[in-house]
Amino acid sequence: VQQLMESLIRIERSETSMLEVNNIDGRWCIRVDSGQKTSFKGLLLSSSGVGSTVEPLSAVPLNDELQQARGLVAKAEAEVLLTLTKKIQLDVDDIENILNSLVQLDVINARATYGLSFGGSNPHIFLPDRNSSSTAQSLTRNDNSNGPLPNNREWILHLPKAYHPLLLQSHRENSQKSKEDVATSVAALDKGQPQPVPVDFLVSNKTHVIVITGPNTGGKTICLKTVGLAAMMAKSGLYVLASESVQIPWFDCVFADIGDEQSLSQSLSTFSGHLKQISNIKLQSTRQSLVLLDEVGAGTNPLEGAALGMSLLESFAQDGCLLTIATTHHGELKTLKYSNEAFENACMEFDEVNLKPTYKVLWGIPGRSNAINIAERLRLPSVVIDTARKLYGSSSAEIDEVITDMEKLKQDYHKRLTEAQYYLIQSRRLHSSLLNTRRKITEHSTTLRLKKLRDVSDSAAMARSILHKNVRELAASAKKTSQHNKAIESSHVSTTNSLHTASDDKKPTITDRSPSDAKKFDKLSAGRFAVPKVGDTVHVSSLGKKVTILKVDSSKGEVEVQVES
């Protein structure tokens, strides 16, 4: 069909003709400009002031055949799908289980991907001890929650340097676009796009209502949303976009009344819309719920709105939810802290010099709207400023002065606390350095001591070796001397014997005595006589002669003598 259409266009083509192939409802046709004549015959499918669409008669059989082929393909596809459907019905339970598992894996993968992309910290989630029975019921009611198994203990809400997820995501996307587009990057630099400012939250189980005050566009609503999103992210198994040591109670539900609830169709004003929403929250919230209320008591008479707001917050503190965070401009709500321990004040810091909010939360201090001060710095006529202050009242002005002093004290406290933390870190580093130096000195002294001991041991071993060598040499020398002396003595005895034993009248020595004479000699020498010395002349009774002592052996009790002639 396409080749036929192209051949028809080539035949009819001219400098003024404009023909093109179209496909309408699956049938190939040719679009002809208005007023142009063609040589081929065809069926008119559509016509307008611009031109007409014609199906050539030669293409009708081919288009019909193409439509029939398409019908056969659709029929075959339907048969295949029907066959697959019948097979799927046999294992529909297993397929549903696999699908559920895939969904769970996809959710887990999405959590991990988000955590790797934006960082954050793993929150410690735990149940409060307050009304554990109602807590168990609320957990049973919310079976779809995917949070970790919490612990029963006193609760605490700690969000150090927490970011609003959407603000952080928007800032990252803008930064990436700025890197990709040079013009956008230059515009962002000229505009001075600020980074998101984190907020710090630290609430103990003694506090059940937090009243946040401060100027408009100061960040009060962002604080509410940050806390609510952090609680829901923790329950969903996501990392919370905050620093380490994040601790969040296990809220069964998070209720929020934020924004303008007016509705013309339901005849609801801003005030009545807020009241309807708060009424529903009162009915549905439990003792384990988190309630976020923005601009309590706004949209009506300030006195009546303040009274109603105080009553609502006191009811939430007495028997309402676990934690309520409310923002307001009513000064009367700031005084609830001083009459009820369950309340705590906080305000958004405002830079009065530059007339800009810093988006930081100051705890324990009620905030101010700063309307008159802002008007004065914007150089509104002094007459108007003075009149406004008079109408505002001296008592209110005194309260603002007290609040100002408290803010200064708070800022000074945080400044000194920061300095103390800095010096503490420095002292810890110095202490660690000293310990490391001490360890190195100890190791060095130990090494030196061991080296000295090894040197002394080596010297002692060498001295012992030399001493043993000298002893062995002396022993060998003494042994040689003894052997030499024995040789001389033996030769002397043999010579003496040869001189005195030549004939029958043998000259006996004392060694020739009988055993009885030896015993007598031993007894006499031990009892009455002293041991003779070499050279002495003694009388031998057995011989009846005098003899000369040649040698005395005390160890054997023998002497060698020479008989006189």
Protein backbone atom coordinates (compact mmCIF):
# COMPACT_ATOMS: atom_id res chain seq x y z
CA VAL A 1 0.00 0.00 0.00
CA GLN A 2 2.78 2.39 0.87
CA GLN A 3 4.54 1.77 -2.43
CA LEU A 4 1.27 2.43 -4.29
CA MET A 5 0.78 5.72 -2.47
CA GLU A 6 4.33 6.85 -3.23
CA SER A 7 3.91 6.01 -6.94
CA LEU A 8 0.65 8.01 -7.13
CA ILE A 9 2.33 10.99 -5.46
CA ARG A 10 5.25 10.85 -7.93
CA ILE A 11 2.83 10.86 -10.85
CA GLU A 12 0.83 13.83 -9.53
CA ARG A 13 3.82 15.79 -8.18
CA SER A 14 4.36 19.24 -9.66
CA GLU A 15 5.81 22.56 -8.58
CA THR A 16 2.49 23.73 -7.15
CA SER A 17 1.10 20.45 -5.83
CA MET A 18 1.34 19.47 -2.18
CA LEU A 19 0.48 15.82 -1.62
CA GLU A 20 1.27 13.72 1.42
CA VAL A 21 0.39 10.23 2.63
CA ASN A 22 -1.83 9.96 5.70
CA ASN A 23 -3.25 7.11 7.74
CA ILE A 24 -6.79 7.55 8.98
CA ASP A 25 -8.37 4.80 11.08
CA GLY A 26 -5.85 2.32 9.72
CA ARG A 27 -6.53 3.09 6.03
CA TRP A 28 -3.84 4.65 3.88
CA CYS A 29 -4.92 7.76 1.94
CA ILE A 30 -3.59 10.93 0.30
CA ARG A 31 -4.09 14.49 1.52
CA VAL A 32 -4.77 16.94 -1.32
CA ASP A 33 -4.63 20.74 -1.03
CA SER A 34 -7.76 22.75 -1.64
CA GLY A 35 -8.38 23.49 -5.34
CA GLN A 36 -5.86 20.95 -6.57
CA LYS A 37 -6.97 18.39 -9.15
CA THR A 38 -5.67 14.84 -9.37
CA SER A 39 -5.71 12.26 -12.15
CA PHE A 40 -6.50 9.28 -9.94
CA LYS A 41 -9.99 8.41 -8.75
CA GLY A 42 -10.77 7.84 -5.11
CA LEU A 43 -13.16 7.99 -2.17
CA LEU A 44 -13.47 11.29 -0.29
CA LEU A 45 -12.88 10.59 3.41
CA SER A 46 -12.84 14.15 4.77
CA SER A 47 -12.81 17.71 3.49
CA SER A 48 -12.05 21.18 4.87
CA GLY A 49 -11.09 24.63 3.68
CA VAL A 50 -7.45 23.67 3.73
CA GLY A 51 -7.83 20.52 1.66
CA SER A 52 -9.33 17.06 1.45
CA THR A 53 -8.35 13.48 2.22
CA VAL A 54 -8.89 10.94 -0.57
CA GLU A 55 -8.49 7.17 -0.59
CA PRO A 56 -7.47 6.07 -4.10
CA LEU A 57 -9.68 3.36 -5.63
CA SER A 58 -6.61 1.31 -6.43
CA ALA A 59 -5.71 1.29 -2.73
CA VAL A 60 -9.16 0.20 -1.49
CA PRO A 61 -8.59 -3.58 -1.95
CA LEU A 62 -5.19 -3.33 -0.34
CA ASN A 63 -6.58 -1.35 2.60
CA ASP A 64 -9.41 -3.88 2.99
CA GLU A 65 -6.90 -6.71 2.97
CA LEU A 66 -4.78 -4.84 5.52
CA GLN A 67 -7.78 -4.32 7.76
CA GLN A 68 -8.65 -8.02 7.54
CA ALA A 69 -5.07 -8.93 8.44
CA ARG A 70 -5.22 -6.59 11.40
CA GLY A 71 -8.47 -8.22 12.49
CA LEU A 72 -6.86 -11.65 12.30
CA VAL A 73 -3.89 -10.41 14.34
CA ALA A 74 -6.20 -8.95 16.98
CA LYS A 75 -8.16 -12.20 17.10
CA ALA A 76 -4.95 -14.21 17.51
CA GLU A 77 -3.75 -11.87 20.24
CA ALA A 78 -7.07 -12.26 22.05
CA GLU A 79 -6.80 -16.05 21.85
CA VAL A 80 -3.24 -15.96 23.21
CA LEU A 81 -4.26 -13.62 26.02
CA LEU A 82 -7.21 -15.86 26.86
CA THR A 83 -4.92 -18.90 27.01
CA LEU A 84 -2.47 -17.04 29.25
CA THR A 85 -5.30 -15.85 31.48
CA LYS A 86 -6.54 -19.41 31.96
CA LYS A 87 -3.03 -20.54 32.88
CA ILE A 88 -2.59 -17.63 35.26
CA GLN A 89 -5.86 -18.50 37.01
CA LEU A 90 -4.37 -21.84 38.02
CA ASP A 91 -1.54 -20.09 39.95
CA VAL A 92 -3.23 -16.82 40.81
CA ASP A 93 -2.50 -17.21 44.55
CA ASP A 94 1.21 -17.73 43.97
CA ILE A 95 1.31 -14.82 41.55
CA GLU A 96 -0.37 -12.55 44.10
CA ASN A 97 2.17 -13.60 46.73
CA ILE A 98 5.02 -12.92 44.32
CA LEU A 99 3.50 -9.54 43.46
CA ASN A 100 3.23 -8.62 47.13
CA SER A 101 6.83 -9.69 47.70
CA LEU A 102 7.96 -7.62 44.73
CA VAL A 103 6.09 -4.61 46.09
CA GLN A 104 7.76 -5.04 49.49
CA LEU A 105 11.18 -5.39 47.88
CA ASP A 106 10.52 -2.32 45.76
CA VAL A 107 9.54 -0.32 48.85
CA ILE A 108 12.66 -1.50 50.70
CA ASN A 109 14.82 -0.60 47.72
CA ALA A 110 13.16 2.83 47.53
CA ARG A 111 13.92 3.44 51.22
CA ALA A 112 17.54 2.43 50.78
CA THR A 113 17.90 4.56 47.64
CA TYR A 114 16.45 7.58 49.42
CA GLY A 115 18.74 7.06 52.40
CA LEU A 116 21.82 6.77 50.18
CA SER A 117 20.81 9.85 48.22
CA PHE A 118 19.92 12.22 51.07
CA GLY A 119 21.73 10.68 54.03
CA GLY A 120 20.20 11.14 57.47
CA SER A 121 20.39 8.93 60.52
CA ASN A 122 18.66 5.79 61.74
CA PRO A 123 16.09 6.90 64.36
CA HIS A 124 15.68 5.23 67.74
CA ILE A 125 11.94 4.68 68.08
CA PHE A 126 10.34 3.69 71.37
CA LEU A 127 6.97 3.62 73.06
CA PRO A 128 6.23 5.86 76.02
CA ASP A 129 5.20 4.35 79.33
CA ARG A 130 2.05 6.42 79.40
CA ASN A 131 -1.10 4.25 79.05
CA SER A 132 0.48 1.16 77.52
CA SER A 133 -2.91 -0.52 77.01
CA SER A 134 -4.19 2.20 74.73
CA THR A 135 -0.85 2.11 72.96
CA ALA A 136 -1.24 -1.58 72.21
CA GLN A 137 -4.73 -0.96 70.86
CA SER A 138 -3.54 1.85 68.65
CA LEU A 139 -0.71 -0.29 67.29
CA THR A 140 -3.14 -3.10 66.55
CA ARG A 141 -5.38 -0.66 64.75
CA ASN A 142 -2.50 0.54 62.56
CA ASP A 143 -1.24 -2.78 61.20
CA ASN A 144 0.02 -1.14 58.00
CA SER A 145 2.79 0.70 59.83
CA ASN A 146 6.20 -0.58 58.81
CA GLY A 147 8.23 0.88 61.67
CA PRO A 148 10.67 -1.14 63.80
CA LEU A 149 9.59 -2.83 66.98
CA PRO A 150 9.63 -0.12 69.68
CA ASN A 151 10.57 -0.43 73.33
CA ASN A 152 8.51 0.42 76.39
CA ARG A 153 10.31 3.23 78.20
CA GLU A 154 10.07 6.95 78.83
CA TRP A 155 9.90 8.82 75.56
CA ILE A 156 11.91 11.72 74.25
CA LEU A 157 11.75 13.67 70.98
CA HIS A 158 15.25 14.60 69.86
CA LEU A 159 15.78 15.98 66.35
CA PRO A 160 19.22 17.60 66.14
CA LYS A 161 19.65 19.71 63.00
CA ALA A 162 16.59 18.30 61.25
CA TYR A 163 15.81 19.32 57.67
CA HIS A 164 12.50 19.57 55.87
CA PRO A 165 12.76 16.81 53.20
CA LEU A 166 11.09 18.80 50.41
CA LEU A 167 13.19 21.91 51.04
CA LEU A 168 16.37 19.83 51.00
CA GLN A 169 15.28 18.04 47.83
CA SER A 170 14.38 21.32 46.11
CA HIS A 171 17.73 22.84 47.08
CA ARG A 172 19.60 19.82 45.72
CA GLU A 173 17.67 19.88 42.44
CA ASN A 174 18.37 23.59 42.01
CA SER A 175 22.05 23.00 42.73
CA GLN A 176 22.21 20.26 40.10
CA LYS A 177 20.47 22.47 37.54
CA SER A 178 22.90 25.26 38.34
CA LYS A 179 25.83 22.95 37.63
CA GLU A 180 24.33 21.86 34.31
CA ASP A 181 23.30 25.32 33.12
CA VAL A 182 25.88 28.10 33.33
CA ALA A 183 23.30 30.86 32.96
CA THR A 184 21.16 29.41 35.75
CA SER A 185 24.25 29.07 37.92
CA VAL A 186 25.18 32.73 37.45
CA ALA A 187 21.59 33.76 38.18
CA ALA A 188 21.55 31.65 41.35
CA LEU A 189 24.80 33.25 42.49
CA ASP A 190 23.43 36.72 41.83
CA LYS A 191 20.23 35.87 43.63
CA GLY A 192 22.12 34.42 46.57
CA GLN A 193 19.91 31.38 47.02
CA PRO A 194 20.23 30.36 50.69
CA GLN A 195 20.61 26.83 51.91
CA PRO A 196 17.89 25.24 54.07
CA VAL A 197 18.33 25.99 57.76
CA PRO A 198 17.99 22.96 60.10
CA VAL A 199 15.92 23.10 63.28
CA ASP A 200 16.71 21.57 66.66
CA PHE A 201 14.03 19.84 68.74
CA LEU A 202 14.54 18.36 72.20
CA VAL A 203 11.33 17.52 74.08
CA SER A 204 11.12 15.28 77.16
CA ASN A 205 8.16 13.25 78.36
CA LYS A 206 7.22 15.97 80.87
CA THR A 207 6.22 18.32 78.04
CA HIS A 208 3.00 17.68 76.14
CA VAL A 209 2.29 21.05 74.50
CA ILE A 210 4.77 23.33 72.75
CA VAL A 211 3.73 26.88 71.85
CA ILE A 212 5.86 28.39 69.07
CA THR A 213 5.62 32.13 68.51
CA GLY A 214 7.46 34.59 66.33
CA PRO A 215 7.12 36.89 63.33
CA ASN A 216 5.42 36.03 60.06
CA THR A 217 7.57 34.13 57.54
CA GLY A 218 9.83 33.21 60.44
CA GLY A 219 9.66 29.45 59.90
CA LYS A 220 7.01 28.37 62.43
CA THR A 221 5.00 26.33 59.94
CA ILE A 222 8.16 24.72 58.54
CA CYS A 223 8.99 23.54 62.06
CA LEU A 224 5.58 21.88 62.37
CA LYS A 225 5.94 20.14 59.03
CA THR A 226 9.52 19.06 59.76
CA VAL A 227 8.51 17.33 63.00
CA GLY A 228 5.47 15.69 61.41
CA LEU A 229 7.41 14.42 58.40
CA ALA A 230 10.22 13.15 60.63
CA ALA A 231 7.72 11.13 62.69
CA MET A 232 6.12 9.61 59.58
CA MET A 233 9.48 8.90 57.93
CA ALA A 234 10.64 7.07 61.04
CA LYS A 235 7.49 4.93 61.11
CA SER A 236 7.87 4.19 57.39
CA GLY A 237 11.38 2.83 57.85
CA LEU A 238 13.14 5.82 56.30
CA TYR A 239 16.20 7.57 57.63
CA VAL A 240 15.37 10.91 59.25
CA LEU A 241 17.13 13.89 57.69
CA ALA A 242 18.90 14.93 60.88
CA SER A 243 22.15 14.44 62.74
CA GLU A 244 22.95 11.40 64.87
CA SER A 245 21.13 10.38 68.06
CA VAL A 246 17.65 10.91 66.61
CA GLN A 247 14.97 9.73 69.03
CA ILE A 248 11.26 9.76 68.20
CA PRO A 249 8.25 8.35 70.06
CA TRP A 250 6.07 5.84 68.25
CA PHE A 251 3.10 8.06 67.35
CA ASP A 252 0.09 6.01 66.30
CA CYS A 253 -1.22 8.88 64.14
CA VAL A 254 -0.09 12.32 63.05
CA PHE A 255 -2.86 14.94 62.82
CA ALA A 256 -2.23 18.35 61.25
CA ASP A 257 -4.31 21.50 60.93
CA ILE A 258 -2.13 23.57 58.65
CA GLY A 259 -3.21 26.01 55.97
CA ASP A 260 -6.42 27.81 55.06
CA GLU A 261 -9.47 25.58 55.41
CA GLN A 262 -12.03 28.05 54.05
CA SER A 263 -14.58 26.69 51.56
CA LEU A 264 -17.21 28.76 49.76
CA SER A 265 -19.16 25.66 48.74
CA GLN A 266 -19.47 24.55 52.37
CA SER A 267 -19.94 28.08 53.73
CA LEU A 268 -16.78 27.77 55.83
CA SER A 269 -14.62 30.74 56.70
CA THR A 270 -10.98 30.47 57.72
CA PHE A 271 -11.89 30.37 61.39
CA SER A 272 -14.76 27.89 61.05
CA GLY A 273 -12.66 25.67 58.77
CA HIS A 274 -9.94 25.47 61.43
CA LEU A 275 -12.51 24.72 64.15
CA LYS A 276 -14.04 21.90 62.13
CA GLN A 277 -10.63 20.37 61.51
CA ILE A 278 -9.61 20.66 65.18
CA SER A 279 -12.92 19.13 66.25
CA ASN A 280 -12.25 16.08 64.08
CA ILE A 281 -8.73 15.84 65.53
CA LYS A 282 -10.12 15.88 69.07
CA LEU A 283 -12.44 12.99 68.24
CA GLN A 284 -9.85 10.81 66.47
CA SER A 285 -6.63 11.46 68.41
CA THR A 286 -5.40 9.13 71.15
CA ARG A 287 -2.90 9.43 73.97
CA GLN A 288 -0.18 8.33 71.53
CA SER A 289 -0.92 10.83 68.74
CA LEU A 290 1.02 13.81 67.46
CA VAL A 291 -1.07 16.93 66.77
CA LEU A 292 0.23 19.90 64.78
CA LEU A 293 -1.83 23.11 64.94
CA ASP A 294 -0.90 26.15 62.88
CA GLU A 295 -2.10 29.62 63.97
CA VAL A 296 -4.35 28.53 66.84
CA GLY A 297 -7.20 31.00 67.42
CA ALA A 298 -6.54 32.95 64.24
CA GLY A 299 -9.21 34.32 61.91
CA THR A 300 -11.49 35.87 64.54
CA ASN A 301 -11.51 38.43 67.34
CA PRO A 302 -8.06 38.32 68.98
CA LEU A 303 -9.40 38.15 72.55
CA GLU A 304 -11.90 35.41 71.78
CA GLY A 305 -9.42 33.56 69.60
CA ALA A 306 -6.80 33.66 72.36
CA ALA A 307 -9.27 32.39 74.97
CA LEU A 308 -10.40 29.57 72.69
CA GLY A 309 -6.81 28.67 71.84
CA MET A 310 -5.82 28.50 75.52
CA SER A 311 -8.79 26.25 76.27
CA LEU A 312 -8.00 23.92 73.35
CA LEU A 313 -4.33 23.56 74.26
CA GLU A 314 -5.13 22.90 77.92
CA SER A 315 -7.58 20.18 76.88
CA PHE A 316 -4.93 18.54 74.68
CA ALA A 317 -2.44 18.72 77.57
CA GLN A 318 -4.84 17.23 80.12
CA ASP A 319 -6.40 14.26 78.36
CA GLY A 320 -5.54 14.65 74.70
CA CYS A 321 -2.63 13.46 72.61
CA LEU A 322 0.93 12.61 73.53
CA LEU A 323 2.44 15.76 72.04
CA THR A 324 0.87 18.91 70.61
CA ILE A 325 2.87 21.56 68.77
CA ALA A 326 1.02 24.81 68.05
CA THR A 327 2.00 28.11 66.47
CA THR A 328 0.30 31.37 67.36
CA HIS A 329 0.54 35.15 67.44
CA HIS A 330 -1.57 35.46 70.60
CA GLY A 331 0.52 36.62 73.52
CA GLU A 332 -1.87 35.08 76.05
CA LEU A 333 -0.85 31.57 74.99
CA LYS A 334 2.73 32.31 76.02
CA THR A 335 1.69 32.51 79.69
CA LEU A 336 0.42 28.91 79.86
CA LYS A 337 3.94 27.67 80.59
CA TYR A 338 4.03 29.52 83.91
CA SER A 339 0.82 27.89 85.16
CA ASN A 340 1.14 24.38 83.70
CA GLU A 341 4.29 22.24 83.68
CA ALA A 342 3.09 20.39 80.58
CA PHE A 343 3.65 23.50 78.44
CA GLU A 344 6.88 24.77 76.91
CA ASN A 345 7.58 27.97 74.99
CA ALA A 346 9.68 28.37 71.88
CA CYS A 347 10.16 31.14 69.38
CA MET A 348 11.71 31.75 66.00
CA GLU A 349 14.79 33.92 66.17
CA PHE A 350 14.63 37.27 64.36
CA ASP A 351 17.57 39.46 63.39
CA GLU A 352 16.38 42.94 64.33
CA VAL A 353 19.44 44.60 62.80
CA ASN A 354 18.91 43.22 59.30
CA LEU A 355 15.14 42.76 59.77
CA LYS A 356 15.37 39.14 58.61
CA PRO A 357 14.40 35.86 60.27
CA THR A 358 17.20 33.42 61.03
CA TYR A 359 14.84 30.38 61.04
CA LYS A 360 16.42 29.11 64.27
CA VAL A 361 14.36 27.86 67.21
CA LEU A 362 15.01 29.40 70.63
CA TRP A 363 13.68 27.25 73.47
CA GLY A 364 12.21 28.51 76.71
CA ILE A 365 11.64 32.04 75.39
CA PRO A 366 8.32 33.40 74.07
CA GLY A 367 8.67 35.21 70.80
CA ARG A 368 7.45 38.57 69.62
CA SER A 369 5.82 39.69 66.40
CA ASN A 370 8.22 42.67 66.18
CA ALA A 371 5.66 44.59 64.15
CA ILE A 372 6.32 48.00 65.76
CA ASN A 373 10.11 47.56 65.69
CA ILE A 374 10.04 46.51 62.05
CA ALA A 375 7.85 49.50 61.22
CA GLU A 376 10.27 51.81 63.02
CA ARG A 377 13.30 50.43 61.21
CA LEU A 378 11.45 50.77 57.92
CA ARG A 379 11.21 54.50 58.77
CA LEU A 380 7.50 54.74 59.28
CA PRO A 381 6.62 58.21 60.63
CA SER A 382 7.62 58.56 64.28
CA VAL A 383 4.17 59.91 65.15
CA VAL A 384 2.59 56.69 63.97
CA ILE A 385 5.16 54.61 65.87
CA ASP A 386 4.64 56.53 69.13
CA THR A 387 0.87 56.31 68.85
CA ALA A 388 1.08 52.57 68.19
CA ARG A 389 3.24 52.04 71.25
CA LYS A 390 0.84 54.02 73.42
CA LEU A 391 -2.08 52.01 72.13
CA TYR A 392 -0.10 48.81 72.59
CA GLY A 393 0.22 49.63 76.27
CA SER A 394 3.03 50.08 78.72
CA SER A 395 2.52 46.67 80.28
CA SER A 396 2.88 44.96 76.92
CA ALA A 397 5.98 47.04 76.25
CA GLU A 398 7.46 45.93 79.56
CA ILE A 399 6.73 42.32 78.68
CA ASP A 400 8.48 42.81 75.35
CA GLU A 401 11.48 44.29 77.14
CA VAL A 402 11.60 41.29 79.44
CA ILE A 403 11.35 39.00 76.43
CA THR A 404 14.14 40.95 74.74
CA ASP A 405 16.36 40.57 77.80
CA MET A 406 15.56 36.87 77.93
CA GLU A 407 16.45 36.50 74.27
CA LYS A 408 19.78 38.25 74.84
CA LEU A 409 20.48 36.02 77.83
CA LYS A 410 19.55 32.99 75.78
CA GLN A 411 21.81 34.02 72.93
CA ASP A 412 24.65 34.77 75.35
CA TYR A 413 24.08 31.39 76.98
CA HIS A 414 24.24 29.59 73.63
CA LYS A 415 27.36 31.56 72.71
CA ARG A 416 29.09 30.63 75.95
CA LEU A 417 27.86 27.06 75.61
CA THR A 418 29.38 26.88 72.13
CA GLU A 419 32.66 28.26 73.47
CA ALA A 420 32.59 25.77 76.34
CA GLN A 421 31.99 22.92 73.92
CA TYR A 422 34.86 24.16 71.76
CA TYR A 423 37.24 24.35 74.72
CA LEU A 424 36.01 20.96 75.93
CA ILE A 425 36.85 19.45 72.56
CA GLN A 426 40.25 21.13 72.62
CA SER A 427 40.93 19.89 76.16
CA ARG A 428 39.93 16.36 75.15
CA ARG A 429 42.27 16.54 72.19
CA LEU A 430 45.07 17.83 74.44
CA HIS A 431 44.35 15.10 76.99
CA SER A 432 44.43 12.50 74.25
CA SER A 433 47.71 13.94 72.98
CA LEU A 434 49.20 13.87 76.48
CA LEU A 435 48.11 10.27 76.96
CA ASN A 436 49.64 9.36 73.63
CA THR A 437 52.90 11.12 74.56
CA ARG A 438 52.92 9.38 77.93
CA ARG A 439 52.40 6.04 76.24
CA LYS A 440 55.26 6.72 73.83
CA ILE A 441 57.57 7.77 76.72
CA THR A 442 56.63 4.63 78.66
CA GLU A 443 57.26 2.45 75.62
CA HIS A 444 60.60 4.20 75.00
CA SER A 445 61.75 3.81 78.63
CA THR A 446 60.70 0.17 78.59
CA THR A 447 62.66 -0.36 75.40
CA LEU A 448 65.75 1.29 76.91
CA ARG A 449 65.42 -0.77 80.09
CA LEU A 450 65.14 -3.99 78.12
CA LYS A 451 68.13 -2.98 76.01
CA LYS A 452 70.23 -2.32 79.14
CA LEU A 453 69.17 -5.66 80.61
CA ARG A 454 70.16 -7.42 77.40
CA ASP A 455 73.54 -5.62 77.40
CA VAL A 456 74.19 -6.58 81.05
CA SER A 457 73.13 -10.16 80.36
CA ASP A 458 75.42 -10.34 77.33
CA SER A 459 78.33 -8.87 79.36
CA ALA A 460 77.72 -11.34 82.21
CA ALA A 461 77.61 -14.25 79.78
CA MET A 462 80.87 -13.10 78.22
CA ALA A 463 82.51 -12.70 81.66
CA ARG A 464 81.32 -16.18 82.67
CA SER A 465 82.74 -17.60 79.47
CA ILE A 466 86.12 -15.91 80.07
CA LEU A 467 86.13 -17.03 83.71
CA HIS A 468 85.32 -20.63 82.79
CA LYS A 469 88.07 -20.54 80.19
CA ASN A 470 90.60 -19.24 82.74
CA VAL A 471 89.50 -21.85 85.28
CA ARG A 472 89.92 -24.60 82.73
CA GLU A 473 93.38 -23.28 81.82
CA LEU A 474 94.40 -23.07 85.51
CA ALA A 475 93.08 -26.57 86.15
CA ALA A 476 94.98 -27.91 83.18
CA SER A 477 98.16 -26.12 84.34
CA ALA A 478 97.78 -27.46 87.90
CA LYS A 479 97.23 -30.94 86.57
CA LYS A 480 100.40 -30.74 84.49
CA THR A 481 102.36 -29.43 87.52
CA SER A 482 101.04 -32.24 89.74
CA GLN A 483 101.94 -34.87 87.19
CA HIS A 484 105.43 -33.37 86.88
CA ASN A 485 105.94 -33.39 90.68
CA LYS A 486 104.78 -36.99 90.92
CA ALA A 487 107.23 -37.96 88.24
CA ILE A 488 110.08 -36.26 90.12
CA GLU A 489 109.08 -37.89 93.45
CA SER A 490 108.80 -41.33 91.92
CA SER A 491 112.23 -41.00 90.36
CA HIS A 492 113.69 -39.81 93.71
CA VAL A 493 112.17 -42.74 95.63
CA SER A 494 113.42 -45.24 93.12
CA THR A 495 116.92 -43.79 93.38
CA THR A 496 116.88 -43.90 97.19
CA ASN A 497 115.65 -47.48 97.26
CA SER A 498 118.34 -48.54 94.86
CA LEU A 499 121.01 -47.05 97.09
CA HIS A 500 119.84 -48.68 100.32
CA THR A 501 118.65 -52.09 99.18
CA ALA A 502 121.83 -53.57 97.61
CA SER A 503 122.56 -56.46 100.07
CA ASP A 504 120.79 -59.00 102.27
CA ASP A 505 120.82 -56.69 105.27
CA LYS A 506 118.04 -54.70 103.73
CA LYS A 507 117.30 -51.35 105.26
CA PRO A 508 113.55 -51.34 105.82
CA THR A 509 111.40 -48.22 105.75
CA ILE A 510 108.44 -47.39 107.81
CA THR A 511 106.23 -48.56 104.94
CA ASP A 512 107.51 -52.09 105.56
CA ARG A 513 105.95 -52.33 108.93
CA SER A 514 103.50 -55.02 109.82
CA PRO A 515 99.78 -54.32 110.17
CA SER A 516 100.01 -54.40 113.93
CA ASP A 517 102.88 -51.91 113.87
CA ALA A 518 100.89 -49.65 111.55
CA LYS A 519 97.98 -49.66 113.95
CA LYS A 520 100.28 -48.84 116.82
CA PHE A 521 101.86 -46.06 114.81
CA ASP A 522 98.47 -44.59 113.89
CA LYS A 523 97.38 -44.75 117.51
CA LEU A 524 100.56 -43.20 118.84
CA SER A 525 100.69 -40.52 116.14
CA ALA A 526 97.07 -39.62 116.81
CA GLY A 527 97.41 -39.71 120.59
CA ARG A 528 100.85 -38.67 121.87
CA PHE A 529 103.07 -37.75 118.96
CA ALA A 530 102.97 -34.92 116.52
CA VAL A 531 103.29 -35.52 112.81
CA PRO A 532 107.01 -35.33 111.87
CA LYS A 533 108.31 -33.00 109.26
CA VAL A 534 110.59 -33.58 106.32
CA GLY A 535 114.21 -33.60 107.45
CA ASP A 536 113.45 -34.64 111.05
CA THR A 537 115.41 -37.57 112.61
CA VAL A 538 113.22 -40.05 114.41
CA HIS A 539 113.75 -43.43 116.14
CA VAL A 540 111.95 -46.46 114.72
CA SER A 541 111.45 -49.02 117.47
CA SER A 542 110.86 -51.93 115.09
CA LEU A 543 114.24 -51.30 113.48
CA GLY A 544 115.97 -50.12 116.58
CA LYS A 545 117.55 -47.36 114.56
CA LYS A 546 117.22 -43.70 113.81
CA VAL A 547 115.86 -42.64 110.44
CA THR A 548 115.57 -39.35 108.52
CA ILE A 549 112.14 -38.22 107.23
CA LEU A 550 112.14 -37.79 103.47
CA LYS A 551 108.40 -37.39 102.73
CA VAL A 552 105.14 -37.12 104.74
CA ASP A 553 101.72 -38.13 103.28
CA SER A 554 99.10 -37.06 105.85
CA SER A 555 96.15 -38.25 103.79
CA LYS A 556 97.45 -41.84 103.74
CA GLY A 557 99.16 -41.71 107.13
CA GLU A 558 102.54 -42.74 105.63
CA VAL A 559 106.07 -41.32 105.70
CA GLU A 560 109.14 -42.10 103.65
CA VAL A 561 112.40 -42.43 105.64
CA GLN A 562 116.05 -43.07 105.11
CA VAL A 563 117.88 -45.46 107.47
CA GLU A 564 121.12 -44.11 108.77
CA SER A 565 124.16 -46.37 108.35
